């Protein structure tokens, strides 16, 4: 009687293996930056923490800054997905309920929560600092990470202009900075508490001005 041949083993799924390694590298980079800081984090350290060879990392990225930026973007996507997508991230931008002040307060409060989340704090600060030290990386950081979020404000402010809720002659890019820049400065420099009350006040000052009404 002829022997039955052993069933063929399925070929290893290289795509799944690569995705598992990539995920481990993301997690390792974020963890190390949070534990020992960005200056002490190295490609070798990330590789050891992730259980991969450093050549695996260099095959996909050219620097630890690039690893961290991609890991940071992935963290944001996973967090939003786990939360069922934050309301203001749906429909490609800040929601338009017809109440501009309420909409802006909602998005600034969400931004405050994210900036105060320790999972985001260390990598975000590291990326901002690296962007200053390395202009080429800074351009990439701004273009790929910051500008898509900032454009949401511009679109919402333009919609408010179209609805007659804002003056038609304002520059929406300058107006955008009135909302986001105070949060960034307070977060980076620690000049005061960064909470929902502060976010609401920033919106009120920006929309209604400082002079007596």
N, C-alpha and C. Protein backbone atom coordinates (compact mmCIF):
# COMPACT_ATOMS: atom_id res chain seq x y z
N UNK A 1 0.86 -1.19 0.00
CA UNK A 1 0.00 0.00 0.00
C UNK A 1 0.89 1.24 0.00
N UNK A 2 0.57 2.10 -0.88
CA UNK A 2 1.39 3.31 -1.00
C UNK A 2 1.17 4.20 0.22
N UNK A 3 2.27 4.77 0.68
CA UNK A 3 2.19 5.68 1.81
C UNK A 3 1.45 6.95 1.41
N UNK A 4 0.63 7.40 2.32
CA UNK A 4 -0.02 8.69 2.08
C UNK A 4 0.97 9.80 2.33
N UNK A 5 1.03 10.68 1.40
CA UNK A 5 1.95 11.80 1.57
C UNK A 5 1.41 12.75 2.62
N UNK A 6 2.33 13.32 3.39
CA UNK A 6 1.93 14.29 4.42
C UNK A 6 1.32 15.51 3.75
N UNK A 7 0.30 16.04 4.36
CA UNK A 7 -0.32 17.24 3.75
C UNK A 7 0.69 18.37 3.68
N UNK A 8 0.63 19.10 2.59
CA UNK A 8 1.55 20.22 2.42
C UNK A 8 1.29 21.27 3.49
N UNK A 9 2.36 21.73 4.10
CA UNK A 9 2.23 22.82 5.06
C UNK A 9 2.04 24.14 4.31
N UNK A 10 1.16 24.98 4.80
CA UNK A 10 0.98 26.27 4.12
C UNK A 10 2.27 27.08 4.18
N UNK A 11 2.54 27.75 3.10
CA UNK A 11 3.74 28.59 3.05
C UNK A 11 3.60 29.72 4.06
N UNK A 12 4.69 30.11 4.69
CA UNK A 12 4.61 31.23 5.64
C UNK A 12 4.06 32.48 4.97
N UNK A 13 3.21 33.16 5.66
CA UNK A 13 2.61 34.40 5.15
C UNK A 13 3.56 35.55 5.45
N UNK A 14 4.34 35.94 4.45
CA UNK A 14 5.33 37.00 4.68
C UNK A 14 4.67 38.34 4.97
N UNK A 15 3.49 38.55 4.39
CA UNK A 15 2.79 39.80 4.63
C UNK A 15 2.38 39.93 6.10
N UNK A 16 1.84 38.81 6.64
CA UNK A 16 1.43 38.83 8.04
C UNK A 16 2.63 38.99 8.95
N UNK A 17 3.73 38.30 8.59
CA UNK A 17 4.94 38.39 9.41
C UNK A 17 5.48 39.81 9.40
N UNK A 18 5.47 40.45 8.24
CA UNK A 18 5.97 41.82 8.13
C UNK A 18 5.10 42.78 8.93
N UNK A 19 3.79 42.58 8.89
CA UNK A 19 2.89 43.45 9.63
C UNK A 19 3.09 43.26 11.13
N UNK A 20 3.32 42.03 11.57
CA UNK A 20 3.57 41.78 12.98
C UNK A 20 4.85 42.47 13.43
N UNK A 21 5.89 42.40 12.60
CA UNK A 21 7.15 43.06 12.93
C UNK A 21 6.98 44.57 12.95
N UNK A 22 6.26 45.09 11.98
CA UNK A 22 6.05 46.54 11.91
C UNK A 22 5.31 47.02 13.16
N UNK A 23 4.29 46.28 13.57
CA UNK A 23 3.53 46.66 14.76
C UNK A 23 4.41 46.61 16.00
N UNK A 24 5.27 45.59 16.10
CA UNK A 24 6.17 45.47 17.24
C UNK A 24 7.15 46.64 17.27
N UNK A 25 7.59 47.08 16.11
CA UNK A 25 8.52 48.22 16.03
C UNK A 25 7.82 49.51 16.44
N UNK A 26 6.59 49.71 15.98
CA UNK A 26 5.82 50.88 16.41
C UNK A 26 5.72 50.93 17.94
N UNK A 27 5.29 49.81 18.51
CA UNK A 27 5.08 49.76 19.96
C UNK A 27 6.39 49.98 20.72
N UNK A 28 7.48 49.41 20.20
CA UNK A 28 8.78 49.56 20.85
C UNK A 28 9.24 51.00 20.82
N UNK A 29 9.09 51.66 19.69
CA UNK A 29 9.53 53.05 19.55
C UNK A 29 8.76 53.95 20.51
N UNK A 30 7.45 53.80 20.55
CA UNK A 30 6.63 54.64 21.43
C UNK A 30 6.95 54.37 22.90
N UNK A 31 7.15 53.10 23.24
CA UNK A 31 7.43 52.76 24.63
C UNK A 31 8.77 53.32 25.07
N UNK A 32 9.80 53.19 24.25
CA UNK A 32 11.12 53.65 24.62
C UNK A 32 11.18 55.17 24.77
N UNK A 33 10.55 55.88 23.86
CA UNK A 33 10.54 57.34 23.96
C UNK A 33 9.85 57.78 25.25
N UNK A 34 8.79 57.07 25.62
CA UNK A 34 8.11 57.39 26.86
C UNK A 34 8.91 57.05 28.10
N UNK A 35 9.72 55.98 28.02
CA UNK A 35 10.46 55.50 29.20
C UNK A 35 11.81 56.20 29.39
N UNK A 36 12.57 56.34 28.31
CA UNK A 36 13.93 56.86 28.45
C UNK A 36 14.16 58.17 27.71
N UNK A 37 13.16 58.64 26.97
CA UNK A 37 13.30 59.89 26.23
C UNK A 37 13.83 59.67 24.83
N UNK A 38 13.57 60.64 23.99
CA UNK A 38 13.96 60.52 22.58
C UNK A 38 15.47 60.49 22.38
N UNK A 39 16.27 61.36 23.05
CA UNK A 39 17.71 61.34 22.78
C UNK A 39 18.37 59.98 23.04
N UNK A 40 17.88 59.26 24.06
CA UNK A 40 18.49 57.98 24.39
C UNK A 40 17.93 56.81 23.58
N UNK A 41 16.85 57.05 22.89
CA UNK A 41 16.26 55.99 22.06
C UNK A 41 17.09 55.82 20.79
N UNK A 42 17.40 54.59 20.45
CA UNK A 42 18.21 54.30 19.26
C UNK A 42 17.52 53.24 18.41
N UNK A 43 17.97 53.15 17.17
CA UNK A 43 17.47 52.10 16.29
C UNK A 43 17.76 50.73 16.89
N UNK A 44 18.98 50.58 17.45
CA UNK A 44 19.35 49.30 18.06
C UNK A 44 18.43 48.97 19.23
N UNK A 45 18.11 49.98 20.03
CA UNK A 45 17.22 49.76 21.16
C UNK A 45 15.81 49.40 20.72
N UNK A 46 15.32 50.07 19.69
CA UNK A 46 13.99 49.76 19.16
C UNK A 46 13.97 48.33 18.64
N UNK A 47 15.02 47.95 17.90
CA UNK A 47 15.08 46.60 17.34
C UNK A 47 15.09 45.55 18.45
N UNK A 48 15.90 45.78 19.48
CA UNK A 48 15.98 44.81 20.58
C UNK A 48 14.63 44.70 21.29
N UNK A 49 13.98 45.83 21.52
CA UNK A 49 12.69 45.83 22.22
C UNK A 49 11.62 45.13 21.37
N UNK A 50 11.69 45.32 20.06
CA UNK A 50 10.69 44.72 19.16
C UNK A 50 10.99 43.27 18.82
N UNK A 51 12.22 42.81 19.11
CA UNK A 51 12.59 41.44 18.79
C UNK A 51 12.86 41.23 17.31
N UNK A 52 13.41 42.26 16.66
CA UNK A 52 13.75 42.15 15.24
C UNK A 52 15.20 42.60 15.06
N UNK A 53 15.76 42.30 13.91
CA UNK A 53 17.09 42.78 13.59
C UNK A 53 17.04 44.24 13.18
N UNK A 54 18.10 44.99 13.46
CA UNK A 54 18.07 46.41 13.10
C UNK A 54 18.00 46.62 11.60
N UNK A 55 18.47 45.63 10.82
CA UNK A 55 18.37 45.76 9.37
C UNK A 55 16.92 45.74 8.91
N UNK A 56 16.07 45.07 9.69
CA UNK A 56 14.63 45.10 9.37
C UNK A 56 14.11 46.52 9.44
N UNK A 57 14.55 47.26 10.45
CA UNK A 57 14.12 48.65 10.59
C UNK A 57 14.69 49.50 9.46
N UNK A 58 15.96 49.34 9.18
CA UNK A 58 16.58 50.16 8.13
C UNK A 58 16.02 49.83 6.74
N UNK A 59 15.42 48.66 6.61
CA UNK A 59 14.81 48.33 5.32
C UNK A 59 13.56 49.17 5.07
N UNK A 60 12.91 49.60 6.16
CA UNK A 60 11.66 50.37 6.03
C UNK A 60 11.82 51.85 6.34
N UNK A 61 12.78 52.20 7.18
CA UNK A 61 12.95 53.59 7.59
C UNK A 61 14.43 53.96 7.58
N UNK A 62 14.70 55.22 7.43
CA UNK A 62 16.10 55.66 7.39
C UNK A 62 16.58 56.25 8.70
N UNK A 63 15.66 56.51 9.65
CA UNK A 63 16.06 57.13 10.91
C UNK A 63 15.03 56.81 11.99
N UNK A 64 15.43 57.02 13.24
CA UNK A 64 14.49 56.78 14.33
C UNK A 64 13.36 57.80 14.31
N UNK A 65 13.63 58.99 13.78
CA UNK A 65 12.58 60.00 13.68
C UNK A 65 11.47 59.53 12.76
N UNK A 66 11.83 58.90 11.66
CA UNK A 66 10.82 58.40 10.73
C UNK A 66 10.03 57.26 11.35
N UNK A 67 10.72 56.40 12.10
CA UNK A 67 10.01 55.31 12.80
C UNK A 67 8.99 55.90 13.75
N UNK A 68 9.42 56.87 14.54
CA UNK A 68 8.54 57.45 15.55
C UNK A 68 7.36 58.18 14.92
N UNK A 69 7.59 58.90 13.83
CA UNK A 69 6.49 59.62 13.21
C UNK A 69 5.43 58.65 12.69
N UNK A 70 5.88 57.57 12.04
CA UNK A 70 4.92 56.61 11.52
C UNK A 70 4.19 55.91 12.66
N UNK A 71 4.93 55.61 13.73
CA UNK A 71 4.30 54.98 14.90
C UNK A 71 3.27 55.91 15.52
N UNK A 72 3.58 57.19 15.55
CA UNK A 72 2.68 58.19 16.14
C UNK A 72 1.40 58.31 15.32
N UNK A 73 1.54 58.35 14.00
CA UNK A 73 0.37 58.42 13.13
C UNK A 73 -0.49 57.16 13.31
N UNK A 74 0.17 56.02 13.39
CA UNK A 74 -0.55 54.76 13.58
C UNK A 74 -1.27 54.73 14.91
N UNK A 75 -0.64 55.27 15.96
CA UNK A 75 -1.27 55.32 17.28
C UNK A 75 -2.56 56.14 17.22
N UNK A 76 -2.50 57.28 16.55
CA UNK A 76 -3.70 58.10 16.42
C UNK A 76 -4.81 57.38 15.68
N UNK A 77 -4.45 56.67 14.62
CA UNK A 77 -5.46 55.94 13.84
C UNK A 77 -6.08 54.82 14.65
N UNK A 78 -5.25 54.10 15.41
CA UNK A 78 -5.77 53.00 16.22
C UNK A 78 -6.66 53.50 17.35
N UNK A 79 -6.25 54.62 17.95
CA UNK A 79 -7.05 55.17 19.04
C UNK A 79 -8.41 55.63 18.54
N UNK A 80 -8.41 56.30 17.39
CA UNK A 80 -9.68 56.77 16.81
C UNK A 80 -10.57 55.60 16.43
N UNK A 81 -9.96 54.55 15.89
CA UNK A 81 -10.74 53.38 15.48
C UNK A 81 -11.34 52.69 16.70
N UNK A 82 -10.54 52.58 17.78
CA UNK A 82 -11.04 51.93 18.99
C UNK A 82 -12.19 52.71 19.60
N UNK A 83 -12.17 54.03 19.41
CA UNK A 83 -13.22 54.88 19.96
C UNK A 83 -14.40 55.01 19.01
N UNK A 84 -14.36 54.29 17.90
CA UNK A 84 -15.43 54.40 16.93
C UNK A 84 -15.35 55.68 16.13
N UNK A 85 -14.15 56.26 16.08
CA UNK A 85 -13.88 57.53 15.41
C UNK A 85 -14.48 58.69 16.17
N UNK A 86 -13.63 59.61 16.57
CA UNK A 86 -14.13 60.82 17.23
C UNK A 86 -15.06 61.55 16.29
N UNK A 87 -16.09 62.14 16.84
CA UNK A 87 -17.13 62.78 16.01
C UNK A 87 -16.54 63.82 15.08
N UNK A 88 -15.58 64.60 15.57
CA UNK A 88 -15.06 65.69 14.75
C UNK A 88 -14.08 65.20 13.69
N UNK A 89 -13.70 63.89 13.74
CA UNK A 89 -12.82 63.37 12.71
C UNK A 89 -13.61 62.76 11.56
N UNK A 90 -14.91 62.59 11.75
CA UNK A 90 -15.73 62.02 10.70
C UNK A 90 -16.03 63.09 9.65
N UNK A 91 -16.46 62.63 8.51
CA UNK A 91 -16.85 63.53 7.42
C UNK A 91 -15.72 64.49 7.06
N UNK A 92 -14.49 64.01 7.21
CA UNK A 92 -13.32 64.76 6.74
C UNK A 92 -13.18 66.12 7.41
N UNK A 93 -13.50 66.21 8.69
CA UNK A 93 -13.25 67.49 9.34
C UNK A 93 -14.12 67.75 10.54
N UNK A 94 -14.03 69.00 11.03
CA UNK A 94 -14.81 69.43 12.19
C UNK A 94 -16.28 69.46 11.81
N UNK A 95 -17.16 68.94 12.67
CA UNK A 95 -18.58 68.92 12.33
C UNK A 95 -19.14 70.33 12.22
N UNK A 96 -20.12 70.48 11.38
CA UNK A 96 -20.79 71.76 11.21
C UNK A 96 -22.22 71.61 11.71
N UNK A 97 -22.42 71.99 12.98
CA UNK A 97 -23.75 71.89 13.57
C UNK A 97 -24.54 73.17 13.37
N UNK A 98 -23.89 74.17 12.79
CA UNK A 98 -24.51 75.48 12.67
C UNK A 98 -24.10 76.42 13.79
N UNK A 99 -23.47 75.86 14.83
CA UNK A 99 -23.00 76.65 15.97
C UNK A 99 -21.48 76.62 15.95
N UNK A 100 -20.86 77.63 15.35
CA UNK A 100 -19.41 77.64 15.18
C UNK A 100 -18.69 77.57 16.52
N UNK A 101 -19.13 78.34 17.48
CA UNK A 101 -18.45 78.36 18.78
C UNK A 101 -18.46 76.98 19.43
N UNK A 102 -19.61 76.32 19.42
CA UNK A 102 -19.71 74.99 20.02
C UNK A 102 -18.84 73.98 19.28
N UNK A 103 -18.81 74.08 17.97
CA UNK A 103 -18.00 73.15 17.18
C UNK A 103 -16.51 73.31 17.47
N UNK A 104 -16.06 74.56 17.56
CA UNK A 104 -14.65 74.80 17.83
C UNK A 104 -14.27 74.40 19.26
N UNK A 105 -15.17 74.63 20.20
CA UNK A 105 -14.89 74.20 21.57
C UNK A 105 -14.78 72.68 21.64
N UNK A 106 -15.61 71.98 20.88
CA UNK A 106 -15.56 70.51 20.90
C UNK A 106 -14.23 70.00 20.39
N UNK A 107 -13.74 70.58 19.30
CA UNK A 107 -12.50 70.07 18.73
C UNK A 107 -11.30 70.48 19.57
N UNK A 108 -11.33 71.67 20.17
CA UNK A 108 -10.21 72.07 21.03
C UNK A 108 -10.20 71.25 22.32
N UNK A 109 -11.35 70.90 22.84
CA UNK A 109 -11.39 70.03 24.02
C UNK A 109 -10.80 68.66 23.69
N UNK A 110 -11.14 68.13 22.52
CA UNK A 110 -10.58 66.83 22.11
C UNK A 110 -9.08 66.92 21.94
N UNK A 111 -8.61 68.06 21.43
CA UNK A 111 -7.17 68.26 21.26
C UNK A 111 -6.48 68.32 22.62
N UNK A 112 -7.08 69.01 23.57
CA UNK A 112 -6.52 69.08 24.93
C UNK A 112 -6.40 67.68 25.53
N UNK A 113 -7.45 66.87 25.36
CA UNK A 113 -7.42 65.51 25.90
C UNK A 113 -6.27 64.71 25.30
N UNK A 114 -6.06 64.89 24.00
CA UNK A 114 -4.99 64.15 23.33
C UNK A 114 -3.63 64.63 23.81
N UNK A 115 -3.44 65.93 23.92
CA UNK A 115 -2.15 66.47 24.36
C UNK A 115 -1.82 66.06 25.79
N UNK A 116 -2.85 65.87 26.61
CA UNK A 116 -2.63 65.47 27.99
C UNK A 116 -2.51 63.95 28.16
N UNK A 117 -2.73 63.21 27.10
CA UNK A 117 -2.61 61.75 27.15
C UNK A 117 -1.12 61.39 27.11
N UNK A 118 -0.60 60.70 28.14
CA UNK A 118 0.84 60.39 28.16
C UNK A 118 1.31 59.55 26.99
N UNK A 119 0.40 58.82 26.37
CA UNK A 119 0.82 58.04 25.19
C UNK A 119 1.22 58.95 24.03
N UNK A 120 0.63 60.14 23.99
CA UNK A 120 0.92 61.08 22.91
C UNK A 120 2.00 62.09 23.27
N UNK A 121 2.05 62.45 24.55
CA UNK A 121 2.89 63.56 24.97
C UNK A 121 4.35 63.43 24.59
N UNK A 122 5.00 62.35 25.03
CA UNK A 122 6.44 62.18 24.78
C UNK A 122 6.77 62.10 23.29
N UNK A 123 6.09 61.25 22.51
CA UNK A 123 6.43 61.21 21.09
C UNK A 123 6.12 62.50 20.35
N UNK A 124 5.05 63.17 20.72
CA UNK A 124 4.70 64.43 20.04
C UNK A 124 5.76 65.49 20.31
N UNK A 125 6.22 65.59 21.55
CA UNK A 125 7.27 66.55 21.88
C UNK A 125 8.57 66.21 21.15
N UNK A 126 8.88 64.92 21.10
CA UNK A 126 10.11 64.50 20.42
C UNK A 126 10.07 64.84 18.94
N UNK A 127 8.93 64.61 18.31
CA UNK A 127 8.81 64.91 16.88
C UNK A 127 8.90 66.41 16.63
N UNK A 128 8.28 67.20 17.50
CA UNK A 128 8.34 68.66 17.34
C UNK A 128 9.78 69.15 17.48
N UNK A 129 10.50 68.62 18.46
CA UNK A 129 11.90 69.03 18.66
C UNK A 129 12.78 68.59 17.50
N UNK A 130 12.56 67.39 17.01
CA UNK A 130 13.36 66.90 15.88
C UNK A 130 13.08 67.72 14.63
N UNK A 131 11.85 68.18 14.49
CA UNK A 131 11.50 69.01 13.34
C UNK A 131 12.23 70.33 13.34
N UNK A 132 12.52 70.86 14.54
CA UNK A 132 13.29 72.11 14.65
C UNK A 132 14.76 71.84 14.35
N UNK A 133 15.29 70.73 14.86
CA UNK A 133 16.71 70.41 14.68
C UNK A 133 17.05 69.98 13.26
N UNK A 134 16.09 69.34 12.59
CA UNK A 134 16.32 68.82 11.24
C UNK A 134 15.27 69.43 10.31
N UNK A 135 15.61 70.50 9.59
CA UNK A 135 14.62 71.17 8.74
C UNK A 135 13.96 70.26 7.72
N UNK A 136 14.71 69.32 7.16
CA UNK A 136 14.12 68.42 6.16
C UNK A 136 13.05 67.54 6.81
N UNK A 137 13.37 67.02 7.99
CA UNK A 137 12.37 66.23 8.70
C UNK A 137 11.22 67.11 9.16
N UNK A 138 11.54 68.34 9.56
CA UNK A 138 10.51 69.26 9.99
C UNK A 138 9.49 69.51 8.89
N UNK A 139 9.96 69.65 7.68
CA UNK A 139 9.05 69.85 6.55
C UNK A 139 8.14 68.64 6.36
N UNK A 140 8.72 67.46 6.50
CA UNK A 140 7.94 66.23 6.39
C UNK A 140 6.93 66.12 7.53
N UNK A 141 7.37 66.45 8.74
CA UNK A 141 6.51 66.38 9.92
C UNK A 141 5.31 67.32 9.77
N UNK A 142 5.57 68.54 9.34
CA UNK A 142 4.49 69.51 9.17
C UNK A 142 3.55 69.07 8.05
N UNK A 143 4.13 68.65 6.93
CA UNK A 143 3.31 68.31 5.77
C UNK A 143 2.45 67.07 5.98
N UNK A 144 3.01 66.06 6.61
CA UNK A 144 2.29 64.79 6.72
C UNK A 144 1.46 64.67 7.99
N UNK A 145 1.88 65.35 9.06
CA UNK A 145 1.20 65.15 10.33
C UNK A 145 0.37 66.35 10.76
N UNK A 146 0.93 67.55 10.66
CA UNK A 146 0.24 68.73 11.18
C UNK A 146 -0.77 69.33 10.22
N UNK A 147 -0.36 69.50 8.95
CA UNK A 147 -1.22 70.23 8.02
C UNK A 147 -2.59 69.58 7.80
N UNK A 148 -2.67 68.24 7.68
CA UNK A 148 -4.02 67.66 7.50
C UNK A 148 -4.97 68.02 8.63
N UNK A 149 -4.46 68.04 9.87
CA UNK A 149 -5.32 68.42 11.01
C UNK A 149 -5.65 69.90 10.98
N UNK A 150 -4.67 70.73 10.62
CA UNK A 150 -4.91 72.17 10.60
C UNK A 150 -5.88 72.58 9.49
N UNK A 151 -5.87 71.82 8.40
CA UNK A 151 -6.78 72.15 7.30
C UNK A 151 -8.24 71.99 7.71
N UNK A 152 -8.51 71.16 8.72
CA UNK A 152 -9.88 71.00 9.18
C UNK A 152 -10.44 72.33 9.69
N UNK A 153 -9.58 73.08 10.38
CA UNK A 153 -10.02 74.38 10.89
C UNK A 153 -10.33 75.33 9.74
N UNK A 154 -9.46 75.33 8.74
CA UNK A 154 -9.65 76.23 7.61
C UNK A 154 -10.98 75.94 6.91
N UNK A 155 -11.27 74.65 6.69
CA UNK A 155 -12.52 74.30 6.01
C UNK A 155 -13.73 74.72 6.85
N UNK A 156 -13.65 74.51 8.17
CA UNK A 156 -14.79 74.88 9.02
C UNK A 156 -14.97 76.40 9.07
N UNK A 157 -13.88 77.14 9.11
CA UNK A 157 -13.97 78.60 9.14
C UNK A 157 -14.50 79.14 7.82
N UNK A 158 -14.10 78.54 6.72
CA UNK A 158 -14.64 78.97 5.42
C UNK A 158 -16.14 78.70 5.33
N UNK A 159 -16.57 77.57 5.88
CA UNK A 159 -18.01 77.28 5.89
C UNK A 159 -18.75 78.32 6.72
N UNK A 160 -18.13 78.75 7.81
CA UNK A 160 -18.75 79.78 8.65
C UNK A 160 -18.82 81.12 7.90
N UNK A 161 -17.79 81.41 7.12
CA UNK A 161 -17.83 82.63 6.29
C UNK A 161 -18.97 82.55 5.29
N UNK A 162 -19.11 81.40 4.64
CA UNK A 162 -20.17 81.23 3.64
C UNK A 162 -21.55 81.38 4.27
N UNK A 163 -21.65 80.99 5.57
CA UNK A 163 -22.94 81.06 6.26
C UNK A 163 -23.18 82.43 6.89
N UNK A 164 -22.22 83.35 6.73
CA UNK A 164 -22.37 84.67 7.30
C UNK A 164 -22.09 84.74 8.78
N UNK A 165 -21.44 83.73 9.34
CA UNK A 165 -21.13 83.70 10.77
C UNK A 165 -19.80 84.38 11.08
N UNK A 166 -18.99 84.61 10.08
CA UNK A 166 -17.71 85.30 10.22
C UNK A 166 -17.61 86.34 9.12
N UNK A 167 -16.79 87.35 9.35
CA UNK A 167 -16.57 88.36 8.33
C UNK A 167 -15.99 87.72 7.08
N UNK A 168 -16.44 88.19 5.94
CA UNK A 168 -15.99 87.62 4.67
C UNK A 168 -14.54 87.97 4.37
N UNK A 169 -14.01 89.03 5.01
CA UNK A 169 -12.67 89.49 4.64
C UNK A 169 -11.56 88.87 5.50
N UNK A 170 -11.89 88.02 6.46
CA UNK A 170 -10.83 87.45 7.29
C UNK A 170 -10.06 86.38 6.52
N UNK A 171 -8.80 86.22 6.87
CA UNK A 171 -7.97 85.15 6.31
C UNK A 171 -8.16 83.92 7.19
N UNK A 172 -8.75 82.83 6.67
CA UNK A 172 -9.02 81.67 7.53
C UNK A 172 -7.76 81.01 8.06
N UNK A 173 -6.63 81.21 7.39
CA UNK A 173 -5.38 80.61 7.88
C UNK A 173 -4.86 81.36 9.11
N UNK A 174 -4.98 82.68 9.09
CA UNK A 174 -4.60 83.44 10.28
C UNK A 174 -5.60 83.17 11.40
N UNK A 175 -6.88 83.13 11.07
CA UNK A 175 -7.90 82.84 12.08
C UNK A 175 -7.67 81.47 12.71
N UNK A 176 -7.30 80.50 11.91
CA UNK A 176 -7.00 79.15 12.43
C UNK A 176 -5.95 79.22 13.53
N UNK A 177 -4.91 80.02 13.30
CA UNK A 177 -3.81 80.09 14.26
C UNK A 177 -4.25 80.68 15.60
N UNK A 178 -5.28 81.51 15.60
CA UNK A 178 -5.78 82.07 16.86
C UNK A 178 -6.32 80.98 17.79
N UNK A 179 -6.77 79.87 17.20
CA UNK A 179 -7.32 78.78 18.00
C UNK A 179 -6.26 77.76 18.40
N UNK A 180 -5.42 77.37 17.45
CA UNK A 180 -4.51 76.24 17.72
C UNK A 180 -3.19 76.66 18.36
N UNK A 181 -2.70 77.85 18.04
CA UNK A 181 -1.38 78.25 18.54
C UNK A 181 -1.33 78.40 20.06
N UNK A 182 -2.35 78.98 20.71
CA UNK A 182 -2.28 79.08 22.17
C UNK A 182 -2.17 77.72 22.86
N UNK A 183 -2.88 76.72 22.34
CA UNK A 183 -2.80 75.40 22.93
C UNK A 183 -1.39 74.82 22.77
N UNK A 184 -0.83 74.98 21.57
CA UNK A 184 0.50 74.44 21.32
C UNK A 184 1.54 75.10 22.21
N UNK A 185 1.44 76.42 22.37
CA UNK A 185 2.42 77.12 23.20
C UNK A 185 2.31 76.69 24.66
N UNK A 186 1.10 76.62 25.17
CA UNK A 186 0.94 76.25 26.59
C UNK A 186 1.39 74.80 26.81
N UNK A 187 1.13 73.95 25.84
CA UNK A 187 1.53 72.54 25.96
C UNK A 187 3.05 72.40 25.93
N UNK A 188 3.70 73.11 25.01
CA UNK A 188 5.15 72.97 24.86
C UNK A 188 5.90 73.65 26.00
N UNK A 189 5.42 74.79 26.46
CA UNK A 189 6.16 75.58 27.43
C UNK A 189 5.65 75.43 28.86
N UNK A 190 4.49 74.82 29.03
CA UNK A 190 3.95 74.63 30.37
C UNK A 190 3.69 75.92 31.12
N UNK A 191 3.14 76.91 30.41
CA UNK A 191 2.93 78.22 31.03
C UNK A 191 1.65 78.30 31.86
N UNK A 192 0.87 77.23 31.88
CA UNK A 192 -0.37 77.24 32.65
C UNK A 192 -1.12 75.96 32.42
N UNK A 193 -2.25 75.77 33.11
CA UNK A 193 -3.02 74.53 32.94
C UNK A 193 -3.58 74.41 31.54
N UNK A 194 -3.57 73.18 31.02
CA UNK A 194 -4.12 72.91 29.70
C UNK A 194 -5.33 72.01 29.91
N UNK A 195 -6.51 72.63 29.94
CA UNK A 195 -7.72 71.88 30.24
C UNK A 195 -8.88 72.41 29.39
N UNK A 196 -10.06 71.84 29.62
CA UNK A 196 -11.22 72.24 28.82
C UNK A 196 -11.58 73.70 29.03
N UNK A 197 -11.44 74.18 30.26
CA UNK A 197 -11.77 75.58 30.52
C UNK A 197 -10.88 76.51 29.71
N UNK A 198 -9.61 76.15 29.61
CA UNK A 198 -8.69 76.96 28.81
C UNK A 198 -9.08 76.91 27.34
N UNK A 199 -9.41 75.73 26.84
CA UNK A 199 -9.81 75.59 25.44
C UNK A 199 -11.04 76.43 25.14
N UNK A 200 -12.02 76.40 26.03
CA UNK A 200 -13.24 77.18 25.81
C UNK A 200 -12.94 78.68 25.79
N UNK A 201 -12.05 79.12 26.69
CA UNK A 201 -11.72 80.54 26.76
C UNK A 201 -10.98 80.99 25.51
N UNK A 202 -10.09 80.15 24.99
CA UNK A 202 -9.39 80.48 23.74
C UNK A 202 -10.39 80.72 22.62
N UNK A 203 -11.38 79.86 22.51
CA UNK A 203 -12.39 80.02 21.46
C UNK A 203 -13.17 81.31 21.67
N UNK A 204 -13.57 81.58 22.90
CA UNK A 204 -14.35 82.79 23.16
C UNK A 204 -13.54 84.06 22.86
N UNK A 205 -12.28 84.09 23.27
CA UNK A 205 -11.45 85.26 23.00
C UNK A 205 -11.23 85.44 21.50
N UNK A 206 -10.96 84.33 20.81
CA UNK A 206 -10.68 84.42 19.37
C UNK A 206 -11.92 84.86 18.59
N UNK A 207 -13.08 84.36 18.97
CA UNK A 207 -14.29 84.68 18.22
C UNK A 207 -14.84 86.07 18.56
N UNK A 208 -14.73 86.46 19.82
CA UNK A 208 -15.40 87.69 20.25
C UNK A 208 -14.44 88.83 20.54
N UNK A 209 -13.14 88.59 20.52
CA UNK A 209 -12.18 89.66 20.72
C UNK A 209 -11.98 90.00 22.19
N UNK A 210 -11.10 90.94 22.43
CA UNK A 210 -10.73 91.33 23.79
C UNK A 210 -11.27 92.70 24.18
N UNK A 211 -11.64 93.49 23.21
CA UNK A 211 -12.16 94.82 23.51
C UNK A 211 -13.55 94.73 24.11
N UNK A 212 -13.97 95.74 24.89
CA UNK A 212 -15.33 95.73 25.44
C UNK A 212 -16.37 95.65 24.33
N UNK A 213 -17.43 94.90 24.56
CA UNK A 213 -18.48 94.77 23.53
C UNK A 213 -19.46 95.94 23.66
